[in-house]
């Protein structure tokens, strides 16, 4: 059972990585567009109308597209002042509760986001700018990122619960637990051939 979950976990990580690259590429292109707009305005006195609007849409969409990658790699910020002093099993339970609450909050946010998208589609709402962009277009990417996060978080929650009841607390920690100092260093120095000394740290 856990092997099946592990395979799905890998597949979701790959999908999240693709989404991050897509969002990052869009951000890079929008930054190039804004730069060209600024240079054209300064040098030639002309402007590319709407570059600020498009970059805003890209920023919103790329942010939600990165959510899944963030939670899969346990990069979401958590307050763990007392967390590290608890036994591993207790930390696993807190991680599961925390993820469940996050999923609940994001579920409500996604629900209302879908309603906004639906309204924009039904009323054919346009941006109040010179571009008059149909709002459902950027909102589709925005909502897609949120839905992808909900699916990913729900899977991670189920995976962690199954692992906990199987007695595999180490797996729970590796799935949704707070990263240790060594893990954070390893993540930040990946590909740099830097080795760190092992440190238990109560983990």
Protein backbone atom coordinates (compact mmCIF):
# COMPACT_ATOMS: atom_id res chain seq x y z
CA UNK A 1 0.00 0.00 0.00
CA UNK A 2 2.70 2.49 0.99
CA UNK A 3 4.63 1.69 -2.19
CA UNK A 4 1.60 2.71 -4.26
CA UNK A 5 1.38 5.97 -2.33
CA UNK A 6 5.11 6.50 -2.83
CA UNK A 7 4.72 6.13 -6.61
CA UNK A 8 1.86 8.62 -6.69
CA UNK A 9 3.93 10.98 -4.55
CA UNK A 10 6.74 10.90 -7.12
CA UNK A 11 4.28 11.53 -9.96
CA UNK A 12 2.76 14.52 -8.16
CA UNK A 13 6.23 15.92 -7.49
CA UNK A 14 7.04 15.76 -11.19
CA UNK A 15 3.76 17.44 -12.08
CA UNK A 16 4.38 20.15 -9.49
CA UNK A 17 7.86 20.69 -10.90
CA UNK A 18 6.42 21.20 -14.39
CA UNK A 19 3.92 23.71 -12.99
CA UNK A 20 6.72 25.60 -11.24
CA UNK A 21 8.79 25.75 -14.42
CA UNK A 22 5.75 26.96 -16.36
CA UNK A 23 5.01 29.68 -13.81
CA UNK A 24 8.67 30.65 -13.51
CA UNK A 25 9.05 30.92 -17.28
CA UNK A 26 5.94 33.10 -17.46
CA UNK A 27 7.34 35.34 -14.71
CA UNK A 28 10.66 35.64 -16.53
CA UNK A 29 8.94 36.57 -19.79
CA UNK A 30 6.74 39.13 -18.05
CA UNK A 31 9.80 40.69 -16.41
CA UNK A 32 11.45 40.97 -19.83
CA UNK A 33 8.28 42.60 -21.16
CA UNK A 34 8.21 45.13 -18.31
CA UNK A 35 11.93 45.87 -18.79
CA UNK A 36 11.45 46.51 -22.50
CA UNK A 37 8.48 48.73 -21.70
CA UNK A 38 10.54 50.81 -19.27
CA UNK A 39 13.43 51.12 -21.74
CA UNK A 40 11.13 52.04 -24.63
CA UNK A 41 9.41 54.66 -22.49
CA UNK A 42 12.73 56.14 -21.35
CA UNK A 43 14.56 56.06 -24.68
CA UNK A 44 11.87 56.45 -27.34
CA UNK A 45 9.01 57.94 -25.34
CA UNK A 46 6.61 55.14 -26.24
CA UNK A 47 4.97 52.59 -23.99
CA UNK A 48 3.67 49.04 -24.30
CA UNK A 49 0.17 49.43 -22.95
CA UNK A 50 -0.85 46.75 -20.48
CA UNK A 51 2.52 45.31 -19.50
CA UNK A 52 1.82 46.03 -15.83
CA UNK A 53 -1.60 44.41 -16.09
CA UNK A 54 -0.30 41.25 -17.73
CA UNK A 55 2.57 40.93 -15.25
CA UNK A 56 0.02 41.15 -12.43
CA UNK A 57 -1.98 38.26 -13.88
CA UNK A 58 1.18 36.23 -14.39
CA UNK A 59 2.31 36.85 -10.81
CA UNK A 60 -1.04 35.72 -9.37
CA UNK A 61 -1.16 32.56 -11.50
CA UNK A 62 2.49 31.59 -11.02
CA UNK A 63 2.10 31.97 -7.25
CA UNK A 64 -0.72 29.43 -7.01
CA UNK A 65 1.05 27.11 -9.47
CA UNK A 66 3.96 26.98 -7.02
CA UNK A 67 1.84 25.98 -4.01
CA UNK A 68 1.93 22.25 -4.74
CA UNK A 69 5.69 22.20 -5.22
CA UNK A 70 6.09 24.13 -1.99
CA UNK A 71 4.07 21.71 0.13
CA UNK A 72 5.57 18.59 -1.47
CA UNK A 73 9.05 19.88 -0.63
CA UNK A 74 7.90 20.95 2.86
CA UNK A 75 8.94 24.53 2.17
CA UNK A 76 5.86 26.07 3.77
CA UNK A 77 6.69 28.19 6.82
CA UNK A 78 5.64 26.83 10.21
CA UNK A 79 6.18 27.97 13.79
CA UNK A 80 8.06 25.15 15.52
CA UNK A 81 9.38 26.71 18.73
CA UNK A 82 8.13 23.80 20.88
CA UNK A 83 7.60 21.32 18.06
CA UNK A 84 11.21 20.09 18.03
CA UNK A 85 11.10 19.20 21.74
CA UNK A 86 8.26 16.69 21.25
CA UNK A 87 8.57 12.95 20.53
CA UNK A 88 8.47 11.96 16.87
CA UNK A 89 4.98 10.43 17.11
CA UNK A 90 3.56 13.59 18.67
CA UNK A 91 5.18 15.69 15.94
CA UNK A 92 3.66 13.45 13.28
CA UNK A 93 0.20 13.92 14.77
CA UNK A 94 0.67 17.70 14.88
CA UNK A 95 1.87 17.67 11.26
CA UNK A 96 -1.26 15.81 10.21
CA UNK A 97 -3.54 18.16 12.16
CA UNK A 98 -1.73 21.18 10.72
CA UNK A 99 -2.04 19.88 7.17
CA UNK A 100 -5.73 19.11 7.69
CA UNK A 101 -6.37 22.67 8.88
CA UNK A 102 -4.38 24.10 5.96
CA UNK A 103 -6.40 21.93 3.57
CA UNK A 104 -9.64 23.19 5.14
CA UNK A 105 -8.62 26.82 4.74
CA UNK A 106 -7.39 26.37 1.17
CA UNK A 107 -10.52 24.39 0.35
CA UNK A 108 -12.71 27.37 1.30
CA UNK A 109 -10.43 29.72 -0.63
CA UNK A 110 -10.55 27.48 -3.71
CA UNK A 111 -14.33 27.17 -3.52
CA UNK A 112 -14.81 30.93 -3.60
CA UNK A 113 -12.15 31.27 -6.30
CA UNK A 114 -14.06 28.85 -8.50
CA UNK A 115 -17.22 30.92 -7.92
CA UNK A 116 -15.34 34.05 -9.03
CA UNK A 117 -14.16 32.26 -12.18
CA UNK A 118 -17.67 31.01 -12.87
CA UNK A 119 -19.09 34.52 -12.53
CA UNK A 120 -16.46 35.97 -14.84
CA UNK A 121 -17.24 33.30 -17.44
CA UNK A 122 -21.02 33.67 -17.26
CA UNK A 123 -20.96 37.47 -17.36
CA UNK A 124 -18.03 37.65 -19.80
CA UNK A 125 -16.32 40.11 -17.46
CA UNK A 126 -13.53 42.20 -18.97
CA UNK A 127 -10.66 44.01 -17.29
CA UNK A 128 -11.29 47.74 -16.94
CA UNK A 129 -8.20 48.63 -18.98
CA UNK A 130 -7.26 49.38 -22.56
CA UNK A 131 -6.59 45.68 -23.15
CA UNK A 132 -10.09 44.60 -22.02
CA UNK A 133 -8.86 41.07 -21.30
CA UNK A 134 -11.59 38.51 -20.51
CA UNK A 135 -10.99 37.88 -16.82
CA UNK A 136 -11.74 34.18 -17.07
CA UNK A 137 -8.47 33.65 -18.95
CA UNK A 138 -6.00 34.65 -16.18
CA UNK A 139 -8.41 33.38 -13.52
CA UNK A 140 -8.35 29.91 -15.09
CA UNK A 141 -4.60 29.56 -14.44
CA UNK A 142 -5.05 31.04 -10.97
CA UNK A 143 -7.79 28.57 -10.04
CA UNK A 144 -5.93 25.66 -11.67
CA UNK A 145 -3.03 26.22 -9.29
CA UNK A 146 -5.38 26.23 -6.30
CA UNK A 147 -7.13 23.05 -7.40
CA UNK A 148 -3.79 21.36 -7.98
CA UNK A 149 -2.78 22.32 -4.44
CA UNK A 150 -6.00 20.88 -2.99
CA UNK A 151 -5.45 17.56 -4.78
CA UNK A 152 -1.81 17.44 -3.68
CA UNK A 153 -2.52 18.36 -0.06
CA UNK A 154 -5.39 15.87 0.19
CA UNK A 155 -3.14 13.11 -1.11
CA UNK A 156 -0.32 14.02 1.29
CA UNK A 157 -2.78 14.01 4.20
CA UNK A 158 -4.09 10.57 3.28
CA UNK A 159 -0.55 9.29 2.66
CA UNK A 160 0.62 10.57 6.05
CA UNK A 161 -2.37 9.07 7.89
CA UNK A 162 -1.82 5.66 6.29
CA UNK A 163 1.89 5.81 7.12
CA UNK A 164 1.15 6.78 10.73
CA UNK A 165 -1.28 3.90 11.26
CA UNK A 166 1.29 1.62 9.66
CA UNK A 167 3.74 2.69 12.35
CA UNK A 168 6.08 4.36 9.88
CA UNK A 169 6.59 7.67 11.67
CA UNK A 170 9.83 8.33 9.80
CA UNK A 171 7.90 8.26 6.54
CA UNK A 172 5.33 10.69 7.94
CA UNK A 173 8.14 13.07 8.86
CA UNK A 174 9.68 12.78 5.40
CA UNK A 175 6.31 13.49 3.76
CA UNK A 176 4.87 16.42 5.73
CA UNK A 177 7.21 17.08 8.67
CA UNK A 178 9.27 20.19 9.24
CA UNK A 179 12.64 19.97 7.53
CA UNK A 180 15.65 19.53 9.78
CA UNK A 181 18.64 21.87 9.54
CA UNK A 182 20.58 19.21 7.64
CA UNK A 183 17.72 18.71 5.18
CA UNK A 184 17.44 22.46 4.58
CA UNK A 185 21.18 22.73 3.95
CA UNK A 186 21.05 19.72 1.64
CA UNK A 187 18.16 21.25 -0.29
CA UNK A 188 19.88 24.62 -0.63
CA UNK A 189 23.25 23.11 -1.66
CA UNK A 190 21.94 20.44 -4.00
CA UNK A 191 24.38 19.89 -6.85
CA UNK A 192 27.18 21.79 -5.08
CA UNK A 193 28.94 18.70 -3.68
CA UNK A 194 28.83 20.01 -0.11
CA UNK A 195 28.65 17.49 2.71
CA UNK A 196 27.23 18.16 6.18
CA UNK A 197 27.92 16.40 9.47
CA UNK A 198 25.03 14.21 10.64
CA UNK A 199 23.11 15.67 13.55
CA UNK A 200 20.24 13.92 15.28
CA UNK A 201 18.62 17.01 16.82
CA UNK A 202 15.93 14.97 18.46
CA UNK A 203 14.66 13.71 15.12
